[in-house]
PDB file of N, CA and C in Angstrom:
ATOM      1  N   MET A   1      13.963  19.083  17.642  1.00  0.00           N
ATOM      2  CA  MET A   1      13.804  17.809  17.156  1.00  0.00           C
ATOM      3  C   MET A   1      14.907  17.056  16.510  1.00  0.00           C
ATOM      4  N   SER A   2      15.158  15.807  16.733  1.00  0.00           N
ATOM      5  CA  SER A   2      16.256  15.162  16.203  1.00  0.00           C
ATOM      6  C   SER A   2      15.676  14.526  14.865  1.00  0.00           C
ATOM      7  N   GLU A   3      16.997  14.320  13.754  1.00  0.00           N
ATOM      8  CA  GLU A   3      16.445  13.878  12.617  1.00  0.00           C
ATOM      9  C   GLU A   3      15.778  12.380  12.637  1.00  0.00           C
ATOM     10  N   SER A   4      16.043  11.658  13.321  1.00  0.00           N
ATOM     11  CA  SER A   4      15.454  10.359  13.481  1.00  0.00           C
ATOM     12  C   SER A   4      13.885  10.503  14.104  1.00  0.00           C
ATOM     13  N   HIS A   5      13.859  11.373  14.902  1.00  0.00           N
ATOM     14  CA  HIS A   5      12.443  11.541  15.642  1.00  0.00           C
ATOM     15  C   HIS A   5      11.615  12.062  14.009  1.00  0.00           C
ATOM     16  N   GLN A   6      12.260  13.194  13.187  1.00  0.00           N
ATOM     17  CA  GLN A   6      11.492  13.576  12.059  1.00  0.00           C
ATOM     18  C   GLN A   6      11.300  12.212  11.338  1.00  0.00           C
ATOM     19  N   LEU A   7      12.286  11.540  11.176  1.00  0.00           N
ATOM     20  CA  LEU A   7      11.911  10.454  10.123  1.00  0.00           C
ATOM     21  C   LEU A   7      10.657   9.559  10.681  1.00  0.00           C
ATOM     22  N   ILE A   8      10.728   9.186  11.827  1.00  0.00           N
ATOM     23  CA  ILE A   8       9.964   8.200  12.497  1.00  0.00           C
ATOM     24  C   ILE A   8       8.462   9.336  12.447  1.00  0.00           C
ATOM     25  N   GLN A   9       8.443  10.199  12.748  1.00  0.00           N
ATOM     26  CA  GLN A   9       7.604  10.880  12.558  1.00  0.00           C
ATOM     27  C   GLN A   9       6.629  10.932  11.077  1.00  0.00           C
ATOM     28  N   ALA A  10       7.674  11.015  10.092  1.00  0.00           N
ATOM     29  CA  ALA A  10       7.207  11.237   8.497  1.00  0.00           C
ATOM     30  C   ALA A  10       6.654   9.752   8.496  1.00  0.00           C
ATOM     31  N   GLY A  11       7.491   8.867   8.356  1.00  0.00           N
ATOM     32  CA  GLY A  11       7.164   7.345   8.584  1.00  0.00           C
ATOM     33  C   GLY A  11       5.469   7.329   8.911  1.00  0.00           C
ATOM     34  N   VAL A  12       5.203   7.458  10.159  1.00  0.00           N
ATOM     35  CA  VAL A  12       4.219   7.409  11.286  1.00  0.00           C
ATOM     36  C   VAL A  12       2.930   7.864  10.315  1.00  0.00           C
ATOM     37  N   LYS A  13       3.258   9.062   9.656  1.00  0.00           N
ATOM     38  CA  LYS A  13       2.220   9.879   8.968  1.00  0.00           C
ATOM     39  C   LYS A  13       1.907   8.937   7.579  1.00  0.00           C
ATOM     40  N   ARG A  14       3.062   8.581   6.754  1.00  0.00           N
ATOM     41  CA  ARG A  14       3.106   7.618   5.524  1.00  0.00           C
ATOM     42  C   ARG A  14       2.207   6.625   5.829  1.00  0.00           C
ATOM     43  N   LEU A  15       2.502   6.034   7.087  1.00  0.00           N
ATOM     44  CA  LEU A  15       1.834   4.526   7.610  1.00  0.00           C
ATOM     45  C   LEU A  15       0.487   4.619   7.701  1.00  0.00           C
ATOM     46  N   HIS A  16      -0.076   5.658   8.318  1.00  0.00           N
ATOM     47  CA  HIS A  16      -1.257   6.279   8.362  1.00  0.00           C
ATOM     48  C   HIS A  16      -2.412   6.593   7.188  1.00  0.00           C
ATOM     49  N   LEU A  17      -1.835   7.160   6.759  1.00  0.00           N
ATOM     50  CA  LEU A  17      -2.248   7.548   5.100  1.00  0.00           C
ATOM     51  C   LEU A  17      -2.578   6.378   4.459  1.00  0.00           C
ATOM     52  N   LEU A  18      -1.703   5.279   4.300  1.00  0.00           N
ATOM     53  CA  LEU A  18      -1.878   4.460   3.830  1.00  0.00           C
ATOM     54  C   LEU A  18      -3.073   3.386   4.314  1.00  0.00           C
ATOM     55  N   GLY A  19      -3.051   3.363   5.668  1.00  0.00           N
ATOM     56  CA  GLY A  19      -4.056   2.368   6.290  1.00  0.00           C
ATOM     57  C   GLY A  19      -5.439   3.302   6.181  1.00  0.00           C
ATOM     58  N   ARG A  20      -5.391   4.480   6.053  1.00  0.00           N
ATOM     59  CA  ARG A  20      -6.792   4.986   5.754  1.00  0.00           C
ATOM     60  C   ARG A  20      -7.556   4.975   4.798  1.00  0.00           C
ATOM     61  N   HIS A  21      -6.702   4.438   3.864  1.00  0.00           N
ATOM     62  CA  HIS A  21      -7.218   4.164   2.234  1.00  0.00           C
ATOM     63  C   HIS A  21      -7.027   2.594   1.973  1.00  0.00           C
ATOM     64  N   GLY A  22      -6.741   1.968   2.502  1.00  0.00           N
ATOM     65  CA  GLY A  22      -5.757   0.599   2.505  1.00  0.00           C
ATOM     66  C   GLY A  22      -6.991  -0.218   1.695  1.00  0.00           C
ATOM     67  N   GLU A  23      -8.466  -0.287   2.101  1.00  0.00           N
ATOM     68  CA  GLU A  23      -8.969  -1.327   1.302  1.00  0.00           C
ATOM     69  C   GLU A  23      -9.012  -1.002  -0.378  1.00  0.00           C
ATOM     70  N   ALA A  24      -9.287   0.582  -0.403  1.00  0.00           N
ATOM     71  CA  ALA A  24      -9.402   1.211  -1.864  1.00  0.00           C
ATOM     72  C   ALA A  24      -8.070   0.632  -2.602  1.00  0.00           C
ATOM     73  N   LEU A  25      -6.770   1.038  -2.024  1.00  0.00           N
ATOM     74  CA  LEU A  25      -5.481   0.738  -2.222  1.00  0.00           C
ATOM     75  C   LEU A  25      -5.400  -0.751  -2.713  1.00  0.00           C
ATOM     76  N   MET A  26      -5.887  -1.997  -1.824  1.00  0.00           N
ATOM     77  CA  MET A  26      -5.643  -3.074  -2.337  1.00  0.00           C
ATOM     78  C   MET A  26      -7.010  -3.688  -2.941  1.00  0.00           C
ATOM     79  N   ARG A  27      -7.975  -3.283  -2.864  1.00  0.00           N
ATOM     80  CA  ARG A  27      -9.015  -3.354  -4.279  1.00  0.00           C
ATOM     81  C   ARG A  27      -8.007  -3.155  -5.469  1.00  0.00           C
ATOM     82  N   GLY A  28      -7.367  -1.892  -5.586  1.00  0.00           N
ATOM     83  CA  GLY A  28      -6.772  -1.517  -6.777  1.00  0.00           C
ATOM     84  C   GLY A  28      -5.528  -2.330  -7.631  1.00  0.00           C
ATOM     85  N   TYR A  29      -4.677  -2.576  -6.166  1.00  0.00           N
ATOM     86  CA  TYR A  29      -3.938  -3.662  -6.393  1.00  0.00           C
ATOM     87  C   TYR A  29      -3.822  -5.012  -6.972  1.00  0.00           C
ATOM     88  N   ALA A  30      -5.292  -5.439  -6.288  1.00  0.00           N
ATOM     89  CA  ALA A  30      -5.876  -7.003  -6.723  1.00  0.00           C
ATOM     90  C   ALA A  30      -6.598  -6.784  -7.751  1.00  0.00           C
ATOM     91  N   GLY A  31      -7.366  -5.862  -8.192  1.00  0.00           N
ATOM     92  CA  GLY A  31      -7.867  -5.380  -9.814  1.00  0.00           C
ATOM     93  C   GLY A  31      -7.580  -4.856 -10.541  1.00  0.00           C
ATOM     94  N   GLY A  32      -6.483  -4.144 -10.390  1.00  0.00           N
ATOM     95  CA  GLY A  32      -5.543  -3.276 -11.283  1.00  0.00           C
ATOM     96  C   GLY A  32      -6.017  -1.743 -11.690  1.00  0.00           C
ATOM     97  N   ARG A  33      -7.054  -1.769 -10.940  1.00  0.00           N
ATOM     98  CA  ARG A  33      -7.977  -0.356 -11.470  1.00  0.00           C
ATOM     99  C   ARG A  33      -8.405   0.494 -10.168  1.00  0.00           C
ATOM    100  N   LEU A  34      -8.118   1.841 -10.451  1.00  0.00           N
ATOM    101  CA  LEU A  34      -8.471   2.545  -9.383  1.00  0.00           C
ATOM    102  C   LEU A  34      -9.356   3.647  -9.884  1.00  0.00           C
ATOM    103  N   SER A  35     -10.145   4.297  -9.450  1.00  0.00           N
ATOM    104  CA  SER A  35     -11.166   5.428  -9.742  1.00  0.00           C
ATOM    105  C   SER A  35     -10.835   6.503  -8.733  1.00  0.00           C
ATOM    106  N   ASP A  36     -11.059   8.037  -9.090  1.00  0.00           N
ATOM    107  CA  ASP A  36     -10.937   8.896  -8.414  1.00  0.00           C
ATOM    108  C   ASP A  36     -12.140   8.639  -7.232  1.00  0.00           C
ATOM    109  N   GLU A  37     -13.201   8.439  -7.722  1.00  0.00           N
ATOM    110  CA  GLU A  37     -14.362   7.902  -6.813  1.00  0.00           C
ATOM    111  C   GLU A  37     -14.035   6.906  -5.590  1.00  0.00           C
ATOM    112  N   ASP A  38     -12.861   6.156  -5.752  1.00  0.00           N
ATOM    113  CA  ASP A  38     -12.270   5.081  -5.020  1.00  0.00           C
ATOM    114  C   ASP A  38     -12.032   6.088  -3.412  1.00  0.00           C
ATOM    115  N   PHE A  39     -11.570   7.474  -3.585  1.00  0.00           N
ATOM    116  CA  PHE A  39     -11.071   8.318  -2.700  1.00  0.00           C
ATOM    117  C   PHE A  39     -12.164   9.558  -2.166  1.00  0.00           C
ATOM    118  N   SER A  40     -11.545  10.099  -1.123  1.00  0.00           N
ATOM    119  CA  SER A  40     -12.413  11.610  -0.854  1.00  0.00           C
ATOM    120  C   SER A  40     -11.351  12.605  -2.006  1.00  0.00           C
ATOM    121  N   PRO A  41     -11.648  13.797  -2.030  1.00  0.00           N
ATOM    122  CA  PRO A  41     -11.123  14.636  -2.653  1.00  0.00           C
ATOM    123  C   PRO A  41      -9.227  14.854  -1.797  1.00  0.00           C
ATOM    124  N   ARG A  42      -9.732  15.032  -0.623  1.00  0.00           N
ATOM    125  CA  ARG A  42      -8.523  15.169   0.128  1.00  0.00           C
ATOM    126  C   ARG A  42      -7.480  14.154   0.110  1.00  0.00           C
ATOM    127  N   GLY A  43      -7.977  13.273   0.216  1.00  0.00           N
ATOM    128  CA  GLY A  43      -7.380  11.760   0.310  1.00  0.00           C
ATOM    129  C   GLY A  43      -6.623  11.418  -0.978  1.00  0.00           C
ATOM    130  N   LEU A  44      -7.215  11.884  -2.202  1.00  0.00           N
ATOM    131  CA  LEU A  44      -6.709  11.500  -3.435  1.00  0.00           C
ATOM    132  C   LEU A  44      -5.396  12.627  -3.607  1.00  0.00           C
ATOM    133  N   GLU A  45      -5.872  13.549  -3.160  1.00  0.00           N
ATOM    134  CA  GLU A  45      -4.863  14.893  -3.341  1.00  0.00           C
ATOM    135  C   GLU A  45      -3.640  14.462  -2.334  1.00  0.00           C
ATOM    136  N   GLN A  46      -3.592  13.847  -1.057  1.00  0.00           N
ATOM    137  CA  GLN A  46      -2.731  13.396  -0.436  1.00  0.00           C
ATOM    138  C   GLN A  46      -1.751  12.456  -0.794  1.00  0.00           C
ATOM    139  N   LEU A  47      -2.628  11.330  -1.288  1.00  0.00           N
ATOM    140  CA  LEU A  47      -1.987  10.302  -2.003  1.00  0.00           C
ATOM    141  C   LEU A  47      -1.182  10.477  -3.598  1.00  0.00           C
ATOM    142  N   LEU A  48      -1.580  11.457  -4.034  1.00  0.00           N
ATOM    143  CA  LEU A  48      -0.743  11.529  -5.163  1.00  0.00           C
ATOM    144  C   LEU A  48       0.325  12.621  -4.515  1.00  0.00           C
ATOM    145  N   ALA A  49       0.208  13.598  -3.941  1.00  0.00           N
ATOM    146  CA  ALA A  49       1.529  14.233  -3.238  1.00  0.00           C
ATOM    147  C   ALA A  49       2.444  13.396  -2.627  1.00  0.00           C
ATOM    148  N   ALA A  50       1.965  12.258  -1.949  1.00  0.00           N
ATOM    149  CA  ALA A  50       2.793  11.363  -0.957  1.00  0.00           C
ATOM    150  C   ALA A  50       3.369  10.370  -2.233  1.00  0.00           C
ATOM    151  N   ARG A  51       2.923  10.215  -3.737  1.00  0.00           N
ATOM    152  CA  ARG A  51       3.175   9.771  -4.621  1.00  0.00           C
ATOM    153  C   ARG A  51       3.104   8.043  -4.322  1.00  0.00           C
ATOM    154  N   VAL A  52       1.781   7.992  -3.826  1.00  0.00           N
ATOM    155  CA  VAL A  52       1.649   6.759  -3.241  1.00  0.00           C
ATOM    156  C   VAL A  52       0.643   6.525  -4.452  1.00  0.00           C
ATOM    157  N   LEU A  53       0.026   7.068  -5.164  1.00  0.00           N
ATOM    158  CA  LEU A  53      -0.628   6.906  -6.599  1.00  0.00           C
ATOM    159  C   LEU A  53       0.026   7.968  -7.301  1.00  0.00           C
ATOM    160  N   TRP A  54       0.009   7.740  -8.814  1.00  0.00           N
ATOM    161  CA  TRP A  54       0.209   8.950  -9.970  1.00  0.00           C
ATOM    162  C   TRP A  54      -0.873   8.452 -11.408  1.00  0.00           C
ATOM    163  N   ARG A  55      -0.862   9.681 -11.815  1.00  0.00           N
ATOM    164  CA  ARG A  55      -1.740   9.222 -13.227  1.00  0.00           C
ATOM    165  C   ARG A  55      -0.635   8.939 -14.334  1.00  0.00           C
ATOM    166  N   SER A  56      -1.508   8.200 -15.149  1.00  0.00           N
ATOM    167  CA  SER A  56      -0.724   7.680 -16.394  1.00  0.00           C
ATOM    168  C   SER A  56      -1.153   8.733 -17.510  1.00  0.00           C
ATOM    169  N   ASP A  57      -0.281   8.913 -18.559  1.00  0.00           N
ATOM    170  CA  ASP A  57      -0.327   9.715 -19.478  1.00  0.00           C
ATOM    171  C   ASP A  57      -1.995   9.607 -20.027  1.00  0.00           C
ATOM    172  N   ASN A  58      -2.840   9.040 -20.132  1.00  0.00           N
ATOM    173  CA  ASN A  58      -4.057   8.751 -20.182  1.00  0.00           C
ATOM    174  C   ASN A  58      -5.063   9.212 -19.023  1.00  0.00           C
ATOM    175  N   GLY A  59      -4.322   9.491 -18.081  1.00  0.00           N
ATOM    176  CA  GLY A  59      -5.177   9.830 -16.941  1.00  0.00           C
ATOM    177  C   GLY A  59      -5.647   9.161 -16.166  1.00  0.00           C
ATOM    178  N   ASP A  60      -5.369   7.911 -16.226  1.00  0.00           N
ATOM    179  CA  ASP A  60      -5.684   6.589 -15.327  1.00  0.00           C
ATOM    180  C   ASP A  60      -4.933   6.666 -14.007  1.00  0.00           C
ATOM    181  N   LEU A  61      -5.787   6.558 -12.923  1.00  0.00           N
ATOM    182  CA  LEU A  61      -4.843   6.455 -11.611  1.00  0.00           C
ATOM    183  C   LEU A  61      -4.166   5.231 -11.246  1.00  0.00           C
ATOM    184  N   ARG A  62      -3.174   5.111 -10.811  1.00  0.00           N
ATOM    185  CA  ARG A  62      -2.288   3.944 -10.666  1.00  0.00           C
ATOM    186  C   ARG A  62      -1.591   3.950  -9.126  1.00  0.00           C
ATOM    187  N   ILE A  63      -1.340   2.656  -8.536  1.00  0.00           N
ATOM    188  CA  ILE A  63      -0.349   2.692  -7.400  1.00  0.00           C
ATOM    189  C   ILE A  63       0.723   2.962  -7.830  1.00  0.00           C
ATOM    190  N   SER A  64       1.713   3.413  -7.168  1.00  0.00           N
ATOM    191  CA  SER A  64       3.065   3.489  -7.403  1.00  0.00           C
ATOM    192  C   SER A  64       3.781   2.166  -7.467  1.00  0.00           C
ATOM    193  N   HIS A  65       4.664   2.214  -8.500  1.00  0.00           N
ATOM    194  CA  HIS A  65       5.849   0.799  -8.839  1.00  0.00           C
ATOM    195  C   HIS A  65       6.298   0.083  -7.189  1.00  0.00           C
ATOM    196  N   ARG A  66       6.526   1.163  -6.238  1.00  0.00           N
ATOM    197  CA  ARG A  66       7.237   0.795  -5.269  1.00  0.00           C
ATOM    198  C   ARG A  66       6.265   0.304  -4.121  1.00  0.00           C
ATOM    199  N   LEU A  67       5.021   0.997  -4.154  1.00  0.00           N
ATOM    200  CA  LEU A  67       3.935   0.446  -3.393  1.00  0.00           C
ATOM    201  C   LEU A  67       3.599  -1.132  -3.837  1.00  0.00           C
ATOM    202  N   ARG A  68       3.534  -1.042  -5.179  1.00  0.00           N
ATOM    203  CA  ARG A  68       3.104  -2.428  -5.372  1.00  0.00           C
ATOM    204  C   ARG A  68       4.341  -3.503  -5.480  1.00  0.00           C
ATOM    205  N   GLU A  69       5.349  -3.068  -5.365  1.00  0.00           N
ATOM    206  CA  GLU A  69       6.427  -3.948  -4.778  1.00  0.00           C
ATOM    207  C   GLU A  69       6.312  -4.430  -3.992  1.00  0.00           C
ATOM    208  N   PHE A  70       6.235  -3.520  -2.442  1.00  0.00           N
ATOM    209  CA  PHE A  70       6.274  -3.761  -1.186  1.00  0.00           C
ATOM    210  C   PHE A  70       4.704  -4.850  -0.899  1.00  0.00           C
ATOM    211  N   LEU A  71       3.547  -4.335  -1.863  1.00  0.00           N
ATOM    212  CA  LEU A  71       2.533  -5.376  -1.360  1.00  0.00           C
ATOM    213  C   LEU A  71       2.863  -6.516  -1.529  1.00  0.00           C
ATOM    214  N   ALA A  72       3.349  -7.121  -2.818  1.00  0.00           N
ATOM    215  CA  ALA A  72       3.817  -7.931  -3.443  1.00  0.00           C
ATOM    216  C   ALA A  72       4.737  -8.712  -2.597  1.00  0.00           C
ATOM    217  N   GLU A  73       5.746  -8.205  -2.117  1.00  0.00           N
ATOM    218  CA  GLU A  73       6.584  -8.839  -1.205  1.00  0.00           C
ATOM    219  C   GLU A  73       6.071  -9.121   0.244  1.00  0.00           C
ATOM    220  N   MET A  74       5.156  -8.123   0.893  1.00  0.00           N
ATOM    221  CA  MET A  74       4.278  -8.836   1.699  1.00  0.00           C
ATOM    222  C   MET A  74       3.243  -9.886   1.695  1.00  0.00           C
ATOM    223  N   LEU A  75       2.648  -9.926   0.735  1.00  0.00           N
ATOM    224  CA  LEU A  75       1.653 -10.603   0.711  1.00  0.00           C
ATOM    225  C   LEU A  75       2.427 -12.184   0.458  1.00  0.00           C
ATOM    226  N   GLN A  76       3.749 -12.124  -0.544  1.00  0.00           N
ATOM    227  CA  GLN A  76       4.505 -13.364  -0.447  1.00  0.00           C
ATOM    228  C   GLN A  76       4.946 -13.848   0.953  1.00  0.00           C
ATOM    229  N   ASP A  77       5.514 -12.980   1.636  1.00  0.00           N
ATOM    230  CA  ASP A  77       6.073 -13.465   3.107  1.00  0.00           C
ATOM    231  C   ASP A  77       4.733 -13.699   3.680  1.00  0.00           C
ATOM    232  N   GLU A  78       3.815 -13.521   3.738  1.00  0.00           N
ATOM    233  CA  GLU A  78       2.532 -13.855   4.425  1.00  0.00           C
ATOM    234  C   GLU A  78       2.037 -15.426   3.834  1.00  0.00           C
ATOM    235  N   GLN A  79       2.106 -15.618   2.383  1.00  0.00           N
ATOM    236  CA  GLN A  79       1.988 -16.848   2.111  1.00  0.00           C
ATOM    237  C   GLN A  79       2.667 -17.877   2.191  1.00  0.00           C
ATOM    238  N   ARG A  80       4.120 -17.685   2.729  1.00  0.00           N
ATOM    239  CA  ARG A  80       5.394 -18.369   2.680  1.00  0.00           C
ATOM    240  C   ARG A  80       4.760 -18.905   4.404  1.00  0.00           C
ATOM    241  N   ARG A  81       4.584 -17.895   5.013  1.00  0.00           N
ATOM    242  CA  ARG A  81       4.274 -18.176   6.403  1.00  0.00           C
ATOM    243  C   ARG A  81       2.986 -19.463   6.678  1.00  0.00           C
ATOM    244  N   GLU A  82       2.170 -19.227   6.278  1.00  0.00           N
ATOM    245  CA  GLU A  82       1.000 -19.612   6.116  1.00  0.00           C
ATOM    246  C   GLU A  82       1.060 -21.189   5.720  1.00  0.00           C
ATOM    247  N   ASN A  83       2.113 -21.294   4.325  1.00  0.00           N
ATOM    248  CA  ASN A  83       2.540 -22.598   4.321  1.00  0.00           C
ATOM    249  C   ASN A  83       3.659 -23.242   5.054  1.00  0.00           C
ATOM    250  N   LEU A  84       4.380 -22.487   5.606  1.00  0.00           N
ATOM    251  CA  LEU A  84       4.991 -23.174   6.896  1.00  0.00           C
ATOM    252  C   LEU A  84       3.934 -23.554   7.704  1.00  0.00           C
ATOM    253  N   ASP A  85       3.040 -22.895   8.388  1.00  0.00           N
ATOM    254  CA  ASP A  85       2.178 -23.416   9.632  1.00  0.00           C
ATOM    255  C   ASP A  85       1.607 -24.673   8.870  1.00  0.00           C
ATOM    256  N   ILE A  86       0.948 -25.058   7.676  1.00  0.00           N
ATOM    257  CA  ILE A  86       0.265 -26.143   7.162  1.00  0.00           C
ATOM    258  C   ILE A  86       1.378 -27.021   7.017  1.00  0.00           C
ATOM    259  N   GLN A  87       2.801 -26.883   6.587  1.00  0.00           N
ATOM    260  CA  GLN A  87       3.584 -27.983   7.119  1.00  0.00           C
ATOM    261  C   GLN A  87       3.683 -28.391   8.576  1.00  0.00           C
ATOM    262  N   VAL A  88       3.828 -27.868   8.830  1.00  0.00           N
ATOM    263  CA  VAL A  88       3.831 -28.041  10.610  1.00  0.00           C
ATOM    264  C   VAL A  88       2.905 -28.770  11.243  1.00  0.00           C
ATOM    265  N   GLU A  89       1.716 -28.542  10.914  1.00  0.00           N
ATOM    266  CA  GLU A  89       0.263 -29.288  11.321  1.00  0.00           C
ATOM    267  C   GLU A  89       0.341 -30.560  10.734  1.00  0.00           C
ATOM    268  N   VAL A  90       0.895 -30.781   9.561  1.00  0.00           N
ATOM    269  CA  VAL A  90       0.926 -32.270   8.742  1.00  0.00           C
ATOM    270  C   VAL A  90       1.875 -33.087   9.226  1.00  0.00           C
ATOM    271  N   ASN A  91       2.721 -32.044   9.917  1.00  0.00           N
ATOM    272  CA  ASN A  91       4.254 -33.118  10.289  1.00  0.00           C
ATOM    273  C   ASN A  91       3.666 -33.607  11.692  1.00  0.00           C
ATOM    274  N   ASN A  92       2.707 -32.880  12.489  1.00  0.00           N
ATOM    275  CA  ASN A  92       2.420 -33.184  13.697  1.00  0.00           C
ATOM    276  C   ASN A  92       1.692 -34.624  13.606  1.00  0.00           C
TER     277      ASN A  92
END
């Protein structure tokens, strides 16, 4: 198996993990709080192992800084696209 194939498979696996827990992750991103109960025990274990989630010193469950930045960038891009679509409609 080539190195690029392994990289692709690892990325696909990570994206599937994010997708399976997307709603809870987005609620945590929007509201800032997550609970163990938001995830199945296995899902929580996988998200922690993948460093998608981490625990603060006081035990709070948090979204990783990298995922938070990724989500912010994606949402900003989406908002820019929507604003461009509105501008095009207004100008037509």
